[in-house]
Amino acid sequence: MGTPMQARHPAPPMIKRPGPSRRFCVAPMMDWSDRNFRYFARLISRHALLYTEMVTTGAVIHGDRKRFLGYNAEEQPLALQLGGSNAKELATCAALAEEAGFAEVNLNVGCPSDRVQNNLIGACLMAHPELVAEGVRAMMGSSGLPITVKHRIGINGRDSYEELRDFVGVVHEAGCDTFIVHARIAILEGLSPKENRDVPPLRYSVVHQLKADFPQLEIIINGGLTALDCMSEQLRQVDGVMVGREAYHNPYMMADVDKKIFGNESPVPSRLDVLEAMRPYIVRHLAQGGAMNHVTRHMLGLFQGLPGARHFRRQLSSALHQTDQPLALYDTLIDEMSHRLQPRDCPVEQA
């Protein structure tokens, strides 16, 4: 008798780990959402789902895994975002992500950079839904983690709603139940990645229609969201929101997320609480040979809109490089900000 024919696709594991809540997510941001920023963000919100920067499958497989898969336990719940299109490589990385203890693996189908396009990574994959589906199947077959996809509402030349609906349908059939949708198309030629975050118009209604057409799926909306009240309105039509630049440049906006989005009534840390809680982390970072500004560069917006915000930014971005006692400067800055602030961090005109 001949050898039985192997199944075309590996069967997914029988037991799947329950996924984290995605009511409020902090987007994967290249050069920004590293482990230092994520530790800082977690001090402000206990429940926001945090994402790593995009890591290519090649970097994970052939590079420094401690660097690319390392994180602080305090960052959880934490998702790993992968960039890649080779199903075998994606499967290997998903298995490694589960072993490392991540809460989710997310596939990047939204980055418009020329560099990643050349490697068939990011938004260009929207033109290849079957390839994305193959990668999703492979990851589900190698890992018990939730597998999610982050994508645009389209790309130039493939920007109709029908094409978006077909893309989601094909990938869903492969087993993906959660789609994080940036409510802009991506222009793959002629615009920089930065311009692709602003120039194509936001079309939230397209994401809402997607949820209406796929009510069984978890749809997370992304793009241009800044105010929590607006996010709460979005949550009437979709399952979650993802915030990027606003969470980075105005990080204390996350202080109200646990209560307003997750209904948690735990006390909210003040900005000074966060500043003081970061000190032991900075001490450990320095002891391990790290540079202090690698941590503090992520904290520049902590006092946005409050007295002394400009002084705070200047001390951490300029004065820090001119002293041989950075921790002493940091301690002085804590004292200075405590004197500048009014009770309860009440917003006033910036000094």
C-alpha atoms as a PDB file:
ATOM      1  CA  MET A   1       0.000   0.000   0.000  1.00  0.00           C
ATOM      2  CA  GLY A   2       1.174   3.493  -0.701  1.00  0.00           C
ATOM      3  CA  THR A   3       1.839   6.149   1.885  1.00  0.00           C
ATOM      4  CA  PRO A   4      -1.386   7.943   2.897  1.00  0.00           C
ATOM      5  CA  MET A   5      -1.678  11.423   1.423  1.00  0.00           C
ATOM      6  CA  GLN A   6      -0.888  14.115   3.962  1.00  0.00           C
ATOM      7  CA  ALA A   7      -3.448  16.749   4.746  1.00  0.00           C
ATOM      8  CA  ARG A   8      -2.938  19.918   2.754  1.00  0.00           C
ATOM      9  CA  HIS A   9      -3.059  22.047   5.892  1.00  0.00           C
ATOM     10  CA  PRO A  10      -2.024  21.004   9.409  1.00  0.00           C
ATOM     11  CA  ALA A  11      -4.906  20.654  11.822  1.00  0.00           C
ATOM     12  CA  PRO A  12      -5.010  23.399  14.470  1.00  0.00           C
ATOM     13  CA  PRO A  13      -4.392  22.366  18.076  1.00  0.00           C
ATOM     14  CA  MET A  14      -7.421  21.068  19.953  1.00  0.00           C
ATOM     15  CA  ILE A  15      -6.855  23.483  22.849  1.00  0.00           C
ATOM     16  CA  LYS A  16      -6.538  27.214  22.274  1.00  0.00           C
ATOM     17  CA  ARG A  17      -5.405  29.657  24.916  1.00  0.00           C
ATOM     18  CA  PRO A  18      -8.102  32.265  25.648  1.00  0.00           C
ATOM     19  CA  GLY A  19      -7.257  35.605  24.103  1.00  0.00           C
ATOM     20  CA  PRO A  20      -6.709  38.894  25.926  1.00  0.00           C
ATOM     21  CA  SER A  21      -9.288  41.665  25.938  1.00  0.00           C
ATOM     22  CA  ARG A  22      -8.845  43.973  22.961  1.00  0.00           C
ATOM     23  CA  ARG A  23     -11.248  46.704  24.058  1.00  0.00           C
ATOM     24  CA  PHE A  24      -8.288  49.108  24.115  1.00  0.00           C
ATOM     25  CA  CYS A  25      -4.989  48.342  22.406  1.00  0.00           C
ATOM     26  CA  VAL A  26      -1.761  50.312  22.040  1.00  0.00           C
ATOM     27  CA  ALA A  27      -0.564  49.920  18.472  1.00  0.00           C
ATOM     28  CA  PRO A  28       2.717  48.391  17.363  1.00  0.00           C
ATOM     29  CA  MET A  29       4.934  51.353  16.437  1.00  0.00           C
ATOM     30  CA  MET A  30       8.377  50.971  14.899  1.00  0.00           C
ATOM     31  CA  ASP A  31      11.126  52.547  17.034  1.00  0.00           C
ATOM     32  CA  TRP A  32       8.565  53.536  19.658  1.00  0.00           C
ATOM     33  CA  SER A  33       6.780  50.561  21.229  1.00  0.00           C
ATOM     34  CA  ASP A  34       9.896  48.857  22.555  1.00  0.00           C
ATOM     35  CA  ARG A  35      10.032  47.164  25.950  1.00  0.00           C
ATOM     36  CA  ASN A  36      10.963  50.428  27.716  1.00  0.00           C
ATOM     37  CA  PHE A  37       7.881  52.218  26.434  1.00  0.00           C
ATOM     38  CA  ARG A  38       5.685  49.205  27.160  1.00  0.00           C
ATOM     39  CA  TYR A  39       6.837  49.045  30.795  1.00  0.00           C
ATOM     40  CA  PHE A  40       6.097  52.769  31.117  1.00  0.00           C
ATOM     41  CA  ALA A  41       2.660  52.383  29.493  1.00  0.00           C
ATOM     42  CA  ARG A  42       1.756  49.487  31.786  1.00  0.00           C
ATOM     43  CA  LEU A  43       2.301  51.701  34.833  1.00  0.00           C
ATOM     44  CA  ILE A  44      -0.467  53.962  33.503  1.00  0.00           C
ATOM     45  CA  SER A  45      -2.983  51.325  32.369  1.00  0.00           C
ATOM     46  CA  ARG A  46      -3.261  47.836  33.813  1.00  0.00           C
ATOM     47  CA  HIS A  47      -5.646  46.516  31.169  1.00  0.00           C
ATOM     48  CA  ALA A  48      -4.614  47.970  27.797  1.00  0.00           C
ATOM     49  CA  LEU A  49      -3.328  45.301  25.418  1.00  0.00           C
ATOM     50  CA  LEU A  50       0.216  46.223  24.400  1.00  0.00           C
ATOM     51  CA  TYR A  51       1.939  45.232  21.159  1.00  0.00           C
ATOM     52  CA  THR A  52       5.597  44.882  20.272  1.00  0.00           C
ATOM     53  CA  GLU A  53       7.149  46.653  17.348  1.00  0.00           C
ATOM     54  CA  MET A  54       6.849  44.624  14.168  1.00  0.00           C
ATOM     55  CA  VAL A  55       9.517  41.908  14.113  1.00  0.00           C
ATOM     56  CA  THR A  56      10.244  40.084  10.879  1.00  0.00           C
ATOM     57  CA  THR A  57      10.220  36.305  10.846  1.00  0.00           C
ATOM     58  CA  GLY A  58      13.814  36.332   9.633  1.00  0.00           C
ATOM     59  CA  ALA A  59      14.932  38.391  12.619  1.00  0.00           C
ATOM     60  CA  VAL A  60      13.239  36.012  15.042  1.00  0.00           C
ATOM     61  CA  ILE A  61      14.565  32.849  13.408  1.00  0.00           C
ATOM     62  CA  HIS A  62      18.090  33.972  12.570  1.00  0.00           C
ATOM     63  CA  GLY A  63      18.674  36.909  14.921  1.00  0.00           C
ATOM     64  CA  ASP A  64      18.982  37.592  18.629  1.00  0.00           C
ATOM     65  CA  ARG A  65      15.863  35.958  20.078  1.00  0.00           C
ATOM     66  CA  LYS A  66      16.489  37.409  23.514  1.00  0.00           C
ATOM     67  CA  ARG A  67      16.308  40.846  21.946  1.00  0.00           C
ATOM     68  CA  PHE A  68      13.326  40.261  19.676  1.00  0.00           C
ATOM     69  CA  LEU A  69      11.243  38.067  21.976  1.00  0.00           C
ATOM     70  CA  GLY A  70      12.351  39.510  25.313  1.00  0.00           C
ATOM     71  CA  TYR A  71      10.048  41.541  27.520  1.00  0.00           C
ATOM     72  CA  ASN A  72       9.383  42.394  31.147  1.00  0.00           C
ATOM     73  CA  ALA A  73       6.765  40.237  32.851  1.00  0.00           C
ATOM     74  CA  GLU A  74       5.006  43.436  33.964  1.00  0.00           C
ATOM     75  CA  GLU A  75       4.169  44.249  30.329  1.00  0.00           C
ATOM     76  CA  GLN A  76       1.567  41.499  30.036  1.00  0.00           C
ATOM     77  CA  PRO A  77      -0.904  41.239  28.421  1.00  0.00           C
ATOM     78  CA  LEU A  78       1.466  41.611  25.467  1.00  0.00           C
ATOM     79  CA  ALA A  79       1.106  40.626  21.810  1.00  0.00           C
ATOM     80  CA  LEU A  80       3.900  39.934  19.342  1.00  0.00           C
ATOM     81  CA  GLN A  81       3.511  41.458  15.896  1.00  0.00           C
ATOM     82  CA  LEU A  82       5.198  39.537  13.096  1.00  0.00           C
ATOM     83  CA  GLY A  83       6.108  40.656   9.603  1.00  0.00           C
ATOM     84  CA  GLY A  84       6.384  37.928   7.010  1.00  0.00           C
ATOM     85  CA  SER A  85       4.609  35.857   4.374  1.00  0.00           C
ATOM     86  CA  ASN A  86       6.375  32.483   4.397  1.00  0.00           C
ATOM     87  CA  ALA A  87       3.987  30.065   6.087  1.00  0.00           C
ATOM     88  CA  LYS A  88       6.703  27.803   7.451  1.00  0.00           C
ATOM     89  CA  GLU A  89       8.604  30.726   8.967  1.00  0.00           C
ATOM     90  CA  LEU A  90       5.432  32.198  10.430  1.00  0.00           C
ATOM     91  CA  ALA A  91       4.588  28.840  12.001  1.00  0.00           C
ATOM     92  CA  THR A  92       8.048  28.615  13.568  1.00  0.00           C
ATOM     93  CA  CYS A  93       7.759  32.132  14.993  1.00  0.00           C
ATOM     94  CA  ALA A  94       4.255  31.532  16.360  1.00  0.00           C
ATOM     95  CA  ALA A  95       5.519  28.456  18.205  1.00  0.00           C
ATOM     96  CA  LEU A  96       8.426  30.480  19.619  1.00  0.00           C
ATOM     97  CA  ALA A  97       6.011  33.237  20.663  1.00  0.00           C
ATOM     98  CA  GLU A  98       3.912  30.742  22.592  1.00  0.00           C
ATOM     99  CA  GLU A  99       7.025  29.346  24.245  1.00  0.00           C
ATOM    100  CA  ALA A 100       8.058  32.882  25.210  1.00  0.00           C
ATOM    101  CA  GLY A 101       4.682  33.498  26.860  1.00  0.00           C
ATOM    102  CA  PHE A 102       3.096  36.110  24.595  1.00  0.00           C
ATOM    103  CA  ALA A 103      -0.673  36.537  24.797  1.00  0.00           C
ATOM    104  CA  GLU A 104      -1.242  36.808  21.018  1.00  0.00           C
ATOM    105  CA  VAL A 105       0.496  36.744  17.655  1.00  0.00           C
ATOM    106  CA  ASN A 106      -0.495  39.440  15.174  1.00  0.00           C
ATOM    107  CA  LEU A 107       0.386  39.432  11.464  1.00  0.00           C
ATOM    108  CA  ASN A 108       1.249  42.790   9.916  1.00  0.00           C
ATOM    109  CA  VAL A 109      -0.706  43.358   6.706  1.00  0.00           C
ATOM    110  CA  GLY A 110      -0.733  47.135   7.015  1.00  0.00           C
ATOM    111  CA  CYS A 111       2.786  48.565   6.776  1.00  0.00           C
ATOM    112  CA  PRO A 112       3.242  50.456   3.471  1.00  0.00           C
ATOM    113  CA  SER A 113       7.052  50.826   3.613  1.00  0.00           C
ATOM    114  CA  ASP A 114       8.970  50.124   0.395  1.00  0.00           C
ATOM    115  CA  ARG A 115      11.497  48.132   2.401  1.00  0.00           C
ATOM    116  CA  VAL A 116       8.957  45.626   3.661  1.00  0.00           C
ATOM    117  CA  GLN A 117       7.088  45.486   0.342  1.00  0.00           C
ATOM    118  CA  ASN A 118      10.240  44.171  -1.313  1.00  0.00           C
ATOM    119  CA  ASN A 119      10.131  41.233   1.108  1.00  0.00           C
ATOM    120  CA  LEU A 120       6.392  40.649   0.630  1.00  0.00           C
ATOM    121  CA  ILE A 121       5.582  41.980   4.091  1.00  0.00           C
ATOM    122  CA  GLY A 122       2.911  44.431   5.198  1.00  0.00           C
ATOM    123  CA  ALA A 123       0.125  46.119   3.251  1.00  0.00           C
ATOM    124  CA  CYS A 124       1.118  44.639  -0.108  1.00  0.00           C
ATOM    125  CA  LEU A 125      -0.181  41.301   1.217  1.00  0.00           C
ATOM    126  CA  MET A 126      -3.735  42.637   0.881  1.00  0.00           C
ATOM    127  CA  ALA A 127      -3.332  41.757  -2.798  1.00  0.00           C
ATOM    128  CA  HIS A 128      -2.600  38.147  -1.782  1.00  0.00           C
ATOM    129  CA  PRO A 129      -5.372  37.009   0.577  1.00  0.00           C
ATOM    130  CA  GLU A 130      -4.676  33.310  -0.043  1.00  0.00           C
ATOM    131  CA  LEU A 131      -1.050  33.792   1.009  1.00  0.00           C
ATOM    132  CA  VAL A 132      -2.188  35.507   4.214  1.00  0.00           C
ATOM    133  CA  ALA A 133      -4.658  32.694   4.815  1.00  0.00           C
ATOM    134  CA  GLU A 134      -1.906  30.121   4.342  1.00  0.00           C
ATOM    135  CA  GLY A 135       0.207  31.900   6.946  1.00  0.00           C
ATOM    136  CA  VAL A 136      -2.680  32.062   9.393  1.00  0.00           C
ATOM    137  CA  ARG A 137      -3.360  28.330   9.015  1.00  0.00           C
ATOM    138  CA  ALA A 138       0.292  27.534   9.576  1.00  0.00           C
ATOM    139  CA  MET A 139       0.488  29.662  12.726  1.00  0.00           C
ATOM    140  CA  MET A 140      -2.682  28.171  14.122  1.00  0.00           C
ATOM    141  CA  GLY A 141      -1.292  24.724  13.450  1.00  0.00           C
ATOM    142  CA  SER A 142       1.911  25.399  15.379  1.00  0.00           C
ATOM    143  CA  SER A 143       0.632  27.451  18.307  1.00  0.00           C
ATOM    144  CA  GLY A 144      -2.255  27.611  20.738  1.00  0.00           C
ATOM    145  CA  LEU A 145      -2.107  31.411  20.810  1.00  0.00           C
ATOM    146  CA  PRO A 146      -4.795  33.621  19.253  1.00  0.00           C
ATOM    147  CA  ILE A 147      -3.694  34.604  15.730  1.00  0.00           C
ATOM    148  CA  THR A 148      -4.874  38.038  14.587  1.00  0.00           C
ATOM    149  CA  VAL A 149      -4.337  40.167  11.487  1.00  0.00           C
ATOM    150  CA  LYS A 150      -3.803  43.940  11.313  1.00  0.00           C
ATOM    151  CA  HIS A 151      -4.534  45.436   7.907  1.00  0.00           C
ATOM    152  CA  ARG A 152      -5.774  48.486   6.001  1.00  0.00           C
ATOM    153  CA  ILE A 153      -9.177  48.959   4.403  1.00  0.00           C
ATOM    154  CA  GLY A 154      -7.410  48.561   1.074  1.00  0.00           C
ATOM    155  CA  ILE A 155      -4.408  49.462  -1.044  1.00  0.00           C
ATOM    156  CA  ASN A 156      -4.198  51.599  -4.144  1.00  0.00           C
ATOM    157  CA  GLY A 157      -5.554  49.603  -7.072  1.00  0.00           C
ATOM    158  CA  ARG A 158      -7.412  47.302  -4.690  1.00  0.00           C
ATOM    159  CA  ASP A 159      -9.499  49.651  -2.609  1.00  0.00           C
ATOM    160  CA  SER A 160     -13.117  48.636  -3.178  1.00  0.00           C
ATOM    161  CA  TYR A 161     -15.225  47.450  -0.276  1.00  0.00           C
ATOM    162  CA  GLU A 162     -15.911  44.212  -2.109  1.00  0.00           C
ATOM    163  CA  GLU A 163     -12.196  43.437  -2.250  1.00  0.00           C
ATOM    164  CA  LEU A 164     -11.815  44.220   1.447  1.00  0.00           C
ATOM    165  CA  ARG A 165     -14.763  41.978   2.293  1.00  0.00           C
ATOM    166  CA  ASP A 166     -13.303  39.170   0.197  1.00  0.00           C
ATOM    167  CA  PHE A 167      -9.905  39.550   1.881  1.00  0.00           C
ATOM    168  CA  VAL A 168     -11.429  39.261   5.338  1.00  0.00           C
ATOM    169  CA  GLY A 169     -13.620  36.361   4.255  1.00  0.00           C
ATOM    170  CA  VAL A 170     -10.705  34.342   2.870  1.00  0.00           C
ATOM    171  CA  VAL A 171      -8.518  34.947   5.935  1.00  0.00           C
ATOM    172  CA  HIS A 172     -11.404  34.190   8.280  1.00  0.00           C
ATOM    173  CA  GLU A 173     -11.969  30.838   6.567  1.00  0.00           C
ATOM    174  CA  ALA A 174      -8.365  30.015   7.477  1.00  0.00           C
ATOM    175  CA  GLY A 175      -9.250  30.433  11.159  1.00  0.00           C
ATOM    176  CA  CYS A 176      -8.654  34.100  11.979  1.00  0.00           C
ATOM    177  CA  ASP A 177     -11.479  35.603  14.055  1.00  0.00           C
ATOM    178  CA  THR A 178      -9.903  38.952  14.994  1.00  0.00           C
ATOM    179  CA  PHE A 179      -9.099  41.715  12.529  1.00  0.00           C
ATOM    180  CA  ILE A 180      -7.508  45.037  13.498  1.00  0.00           C
ATOM    181  CA  VAL A 181      -8.474  47.458  10.756  1.00  0.00           C
ATOM    182  CA  HIS A 182      -6.655  50.723  10.052  1.00  0.00           C
ATOM    183  CA  ALA A 183      -9.425  52.822   8.534  1.00  0.00           C
ATOM    184  CA  ARG A 184      -7.293  54.184   5.664  1.00  0.00           C
ATOM    185  CA  ILE A 185      -6.120  52.648   2.443  1.00  0.00           C
ATOM    186  CA  ALA A 186      -2.362  52.362   1.974  1.00  0.00           C
ATOM    187  CA  ILE A 187      -0.727  54.052  -0.999  1.00  0.00           C
ATOM    188  CA  LEU A 188       2.127  51.736  -1.889  1.00  0.00           C
ATOM    189  CA  GLU A 189       3.889  54.089  -4.305  1.00  0.00           C
ATOM    190  CA  GLY A 190       4.599  57.790  -3.919  1.00  0.00           C
ATOM    191  CA  LEU A 191       3.836  58.224  -0.212  1.00  0.00           C
ATOM    192  CA  SER A 192       6.135  57.640   2.736  1.00  0.00           C
ATOM    193  CA  PRO A 193       4.994  55.517   5.684  1.00  0.00           C
ATOM    194  CA  LYS A 194       4.516  58.760   7.645  1.00  0.00           C
ATOM    195  CA  GLU A 195       2.351  60.262   4.899  1.00  0.00           C
ATOM    196  CA  ASN A 196       0.356  57.032   4.777  1.00  0.00           C
ATOM    197  CA  ARG A 197      -0.694  57.707   8.380  1.00  0.00           C
ATOM    198  CA  ASP A 198      -2.246  61.053   7.433  1.00  0.00           C
ATOM    199  CA  VAL A 199      -2.848  61.585   3.722  1.00  0.00           C
ATOM    200  CA  PRO A 200      -5.373  58.879   2.797  1.00  0.00           C
ATOM    201  CA  PRO A 201      -8.662  59.920   4.404  1.00  0.00           C
ATOM    202  CA  LEU A 202     -10.075  58.026   7.361  1.00  0.00           C
ATOM    203  CA  ARG A 203     -13.197  56.021   6.523  1.00  0.00           C
ATOM    204  CA  TYR A 204     -14.563  54.660   9.766  1.00  0.00           C
ATOM    205  CA  SER A 205     -17.841  53.758   8.058  1.00  0.00           C
ATOM    206  CA  VAL A 206     -16.025  51.065   6.057  1.00  0.00           C
ATOM    207  CA  VAL A 207     -14.873  49.388   9.271  1.00  0.00           C
ATOM    208  CA  HIS A 208     -18.398  49.642  10.701  1.00  0.00           C
ATOM    209  CA  GLN A 209     -19.775  47.984   7.560  1.00  0.00           C
ATOM    210  CA  LEU A 210     -17.224  45.209   7.918  1.00  0.00           C
ATOM    211  CA  LYS A 211     -18.482  44.514  11.427  1.00  0.00           C
ATOM    212  CA  ALA A 212     -22.067  44.540  10.190  1.00  0.00           C
ATOM    213  CA  ASP A 213     -21.230  42.040   7.449  1.00  0.00           C
ATOM    214  CA  PHE A 214     -19.168  39.814   9.774  1.00  0.00           C
ATOM    215  CA  PRO A 215     -20.945  40.101  13.145  1.00  0.00           C
ATOM    216  CA  GLN A 216     -19.299  36.878  14.337  1.00  0.00           C
ATOM    217  CA  LEU A 217     -15.812  38.394  14.007  1.00  0.00           C
ATOM    218  CA  GLU A 218     -13.955  40.612  16.468  1.00  0.00           C
ATOM    219  CA  ILE A 219     -13.283  43.893  14.656  1.00  0.00           C
ATOM    220  CA  ILE A 220     -10.866  46.415  16.194  1.00  0.00           C
ATOM    221  CA  ILE A 221     -10.752  49.918  14.689  1.00  0.00           C
ATOM    222  CA  ASN A 222      -7.499  51.857  14.290  1.00  0.00           C
ATOM    223  CA  GLY A 223      -6.520  55.242  12.899  1.00  0.00           C
ATOM    224  CA  GLY A 224      -6.795  58.844  14.097  1.00  0.00           C
ATOM    225  CA  LEU A 225      -8.369  58.091  17.471  1.00  0.00           C
ATOM    226  CA  THR A 226      -7.379  60.555  20.217  1.00  0.00           C
ATOM    227  CA  ALA A 227     -10.263  61.234  22.633  1.00  0.00           C
ATOM    228  CA  LEU A 228     -11.651  58.563  24.943  1.00  0.00           C
ATOM    229  CA  ASP A 229     -15.208  59.808  24.449  1.00  0.00           C
ATOM    230  CA  CYS A 230     -14.855  59.238  20.697  1.00  0.00           C
ATOM    231  CA  MET A 231     -13.400  55.803  21.361  1.00  0.00           C
ATOM    232  CA  SER A 232     -16.365  54.951  23.554  1.00  0.00           C
ATOM    233  CA  GLU A 233     -18.647  55.925  20.680  1.00  0.00           C
ATOM    234  CA  GLN A 234     -16.691  53.644  18.357  1.00  0.00           C
ATOM    235  CA  LEU A 235     -17.183  50.790  20.794  1.00  0.00           C
ATOM    236  CA  ARG A 236     -20.912  50.985  20.101  1.00  0.00           C
ATOM    237  CA  GLN A 237     -20.196  49.707  16.573  1.00  0.00           C
ATOM    238  CA  VAL A 238     -16.984  47.679  16.857  1.00  0.00           C
ATOM    239  CA  ASP A 239     -15.378  45.430  19.446  1.00  0.00           C
ATOM    240  CA  GLY A 240     -12.272  47.395  20.305  1.00  0.00           C
ATOM    241  CA  VAL A 241     -10.071  50.392  19.538  1.00  0.00           C
ATOM    242  CA  MET A 242      -6.361  50.603  18.829  1.00  0.00           C
ATOM    243  CA  VAL A 243      -4.469  53.825  19.507  1.00  0.00           C
ATOM    244  CA  GLY A 244      -0.956  54.651  18.366  1.00  0.00           C
ATOM    245  CA  ARG A 245       0.533  58.132  18.240  1.00  0.00           C
ATOM    246  CA  GLU A 246      -1.809  59.662  20.814  1.00  0.00           C
ATOM    247  CA  ALA A 247      -0.856  57.022  23.374  1.00  0.00           C
ATOM    248  CA  TYR A 248       2.797  57.747  22.700  1.00  0.00           C
ATOM    249  CA  HIS A 249       2.814  61.548  22.583  1.00  0.00           C
ATOM    250  CA  ASN A 250       0.187  61.989  25.313  1.00  0.00           C
ATOM    251  CA  PRO A 251       0.661  58.805  27.367  1.00  0.00           C
ATOM    252  CA  TYR A 252      -1.302  59.917  30.399  1.00  0.00           C
ATOM    253  CA  MET A 253      -4.470  59.729  28.301  1.00  0.00           C
ATOM    254  CA  MET A 254      -4.253  56.013  29.133  1.00  0.00           C
ATOM    255  CA  ALA A 255      -4.864  56.787  32.825  1.00  0.00           C
ATOM    256  CA  ASP A 256      -8.627  56.850  32.251  1.00  0.00           C
ATOM    257  CA  VAL A 257      -8.707  53.753  30.025  1.00  0.00           C
ATOM    258  CA  ASP A 258      -9.102  51.198  32.808  1.00  0.00           C
ATOM    259  CA  LYS A 259     -12.161  52.948  34.227  1.00  0.00           C
ATOM    260  CA  LYS A 260     -13.849  54.279  31.075  1.00  0.00           C
ATOM    261  CA  ILE A 261     -13.152  51.367  28.742  1.00  0.00           C
ATOM    262  CA  PHE A 262     -12.776  48.386  31.084  1.00  0.00           C
ATOM    263  CA  GLY A 263     -14.991  49.508  33.990  1.00  0.00           C
ATOM    264  CA  ASN A 264     -12.201  49.076  36.554  1.00  0.00           C
ATOM    265  CA  GLU A 265     -12.545  51.325  39.587  1.00  0.00           C
ATOM    266  CA  SER A 266      -8.999  50.893  40.947  1.00  0.00           C
ATOM    267  CA  PRO A 267      -7.184  54.107  41.929  1.00  0.00           C
ATOM    268  CA  VAL A 268      -5.520  55.899  39.029  1.00  0.00           C
ATOM    269  CA  PRO A 269      -1.787  56.615  39.426  1.00  0.00           C
ATOM    270  CA  SER A 270      -0.832  60.262  39.215  1.00  0.00           C
ATOM    271  CA  ARG A 271       1.828  61.442  36.817  1.00  0.00           C
ATOM    272  CA  LEU A 272       4.207  61.788  39.747  1.00  0.00           C
ATOM    273  CA  ASP A 273       3.390  58.226  40.820  1.00  0.00           C
ATOM    274  CA  VAL A 274       4.385  57.044  37.346  1.00  0.00           C
ATOM    275  CA  LEU A 275       7.558  59.124  37.366  1.00  0.00           C
ATOM    276  CA  GLU A 276       8.599  57.689  40.721  1.00  0.00           C
ATOM    277  CA  ALA A 277       7.662  54.129  39.729  1.00  0.00           C
ATOM    278  CA  MET A 278       9.931  54.364  36.695  1.00  0.00           C
ATOM    279  CA  ARG A 279      13.002  55.125  38.819  1.00  0.00           C
ATOM    280  CA  PRO A 280      13.753  51.513  39.915  1.00  0.00           C
ATOM    281  CA  TYR A 281      13.336  50.388  36.312  1.00  0.00           C
ATOM    282  CA  ILE A 282      15.806  53.045  35.170  1.00  0.00           C
ATOM    283  CA  VAL A 283      18.268  51.973  37.861  1.00  0.00           C
ATOM    284  CA  ARG A 284      18.086  48.361  36.630  1.00  0.00           C
ATOM    285  CA  HIS A 285      18.448  49.493  33.036  1.00  0.00           C
ATOM    286  CA  LEU A 286      21.605  51.458  33.876  1.00  0.00           C
ATOM    287  CA  ALA A 287      23.018  48.558  35.887  1.00  0.00           C
ATOM    288  CA  GLN A 288      22.643  46.351  32.803  1.00  0.00           C
ATOM    289  CA  GLY A 289      24.672  48.804  30.732  1.00  0.00           C
ATOM    290  CA  GLY A 290      21.778  50.631  29.108  1.00  0.00           C
ATOM    291  CA  ALA A 291      21.614  54.347  28.385  1.00  0.00           C
ATOM    292  CA  MET A 292      19.127  56.342  30.433  1.00  0.00           C
ATOM    293  CA  ASN A 293      17.750  58.227  27.438  1.00  0.00           C
ATOM    294  CA  HIS A 294      16.690  54.915  25.874  1.00  0.00           C
ATOM    295  CA  VAL A 295      14.045  54.834  28.610  1.00  0.00           C
ATOM    296  CA  THR A 296      13.303  58.501  29.206  1.00  0.00           C
ATOM    297  CA  ARG A 297      12.803  59.346  25.515  1.00  0.00           C
ATOM    298  CA  HIS A 298       9.466  57.554  25.777  1.00  0.00           C
ATOM    299  CA  MET A 299       8.373  59.670  28.763  1.00  0.00           C
ATOM    300  CA  LEU A 300       8.606  63.161  27.247  1.00  0.00           C
ATOM    301  CA  GLY A 301       4.830  63.594  26.892  1.00  0.00           C
ATOM    302  CA  LEU A 302       3.919  62.555  30.449  1.00  0.00           C
ATOM    303  CA  PHE A 303       3.100  66.112  31.577  1.00  0.00           C
ATOM    304  CA  GLN A 304       1.589  67.334  28.322  1.00  0.00           C
ATOM    305  CA  GLY A 305      -0.770  70.253  28.926  1.00  0.00           C
ATOM    306  CA  LEU A 306       0.424  70.898  32.495  1.00  0.00           C
ATOM    307  CA  PRO A 307       2.657  73.548  34.110  1.00  0.00           C
ATOM    308  CA  GLY A 308       6.305  72.801  33.478  1.00  0.00           C
ATOM    309  CA  ALA A 309       5.708  70.387  30.598  1.00  0.00           C
ATOM    310  CA  ARG A 310       8.259  72.174  28.417  1.00  0.00           C
ATOM    311  CA  HIS A 311      10.821  72.177  31.223  1.00  0.00           C
ATOM    312  CA  PHE A 312      10.240  68.451  31.782  1.00  0.00           C
ATOM    313  CA  ARG A 313      10.826  67.669  28.114  1.00  0.00           C
ATOM    314  CA  ARG A 314      13.960  69.796  27.941  1.00  0.00           C
ATOM    315  CA  GLN A 315      15.485  68.209  31.018  1.00  0.00           C
ATOM    316  CA  LEU A 316      14.973  64.680  29.731  1.00  0.00           C
ATOM    317  CA  SER A 317      15.881  65.386  26.114  1.00  0.00           C
ATOM    318  CA  SER A 318      18.741  67.904  26.491  1.00  0.00           C
ATOM    319  CA  ALA A 319      20.041  68.351  30.028  1.00  0.00           C
ATOM    320  CA  LEU A 320      20.230  64.593  30.501  1.00  0.00           C
ATOM    321  CA  HIS A 321      23.005  64.413  27.887  1.00  0.00           C
ATOM    322  CA  GLN A 322      25.018  67.125  29.631  1.00  0.00           C
ATOM    323  CA  THR A 323      25.328  65.548  33.064  1.00  0.00           C
ATOM    324  CA  ASP A 324      27.367  62.686  34.436  1.00  0.00           C
ATOM    325  CA  GLN A 325      24.757  62.139  37.162  1.00  0.00           C
ATOM    326  CA  PRO A 326      21.550  61.357  35.268  1.00  0.00           C
ATOM    327  CA  LEU A 327      19.762  59.814  38.257  1.00  0.00           C
ATOM    328  CA  ALA A 328      20.415  62.924  40.348  1.00  0.00           C
ATOM    329  CA  LEU A 329      18.914  65.012  37.545  1.00  0.00           C
ATOM    330  CA  TYR A 330      15.916  62.671  37.458  1.00  0.00           C
ATOM    331  CA  ASP A 331      15.384  63.000  41.225  1.00  0.00           C
ATOM    332  CA  THR A 332      15.608  66.777  40.991  1.00  0.00           C
ATOM    333  CA  LEU A 333      13.082  66.712  38.165  1.00  0.00           C
ATOM    334  CA  ILE A 334      10.621  64.725  40.306  1.00  0.00           C
ATOM    335  CA  ASP A 335      10.871  67.384  43.007  1.00  0.00           C
ATOM    336  CA  GLU A 336      10.509  70.211  40.511  1.00  0.00           C
ATOM    337  CA  MET A 337       7.419  68.719  38.884  1.00  0.00           C
ATOM    338  CA  SER A 338       5.785  68.046  42.255  1.00  0.00           C
ATOM    339  CA  HIS A 339       6.081  71.754  43.068  1.00  0.00           C
ATOM    340  CA  ARG A 340       4.868  72.915  39.667  1.00  0.00           C
ATOM    341  CA  LEU A 341       1.722  70.818  39.590  1.00  0.00           C
ATOM    342  CA  GLN A 342      -1.587  71.876  41.004  1.00  0.00           C
ATOM    343  CA  PRO A 343      -3.537  69.310  43.067  1.00  0.00           C
ATOM    344  CA  ARG A 344      -4.717  66.223  41.150  1.00  0.00           C
ATOM    345  CA  ASP A 345      -2.840  67.250  37.963  1.00  0.00           C
ATOM    346  CA  CYS A 346      -5.637  69.610  36.941  1.00  0.00           C
ATOM    347  CA  PRO A 347      -5.041  70.723  33.321  1.00  0.00           C
ATOM    348  CA  VAL A 348      -4.190  74.416  32.905  1.00  0.00           C
ATOM    349  CA  GLU A 349      -2.399  76.453  30.300  1.00  0.00           C
ATOM    350  CA  GLN A 350       1.164  75.198  29.769  1.00  0.00           C
ATOM    351  CA  ALA A 351       3.803  77.331  31.493  1.00  0.00           C
END
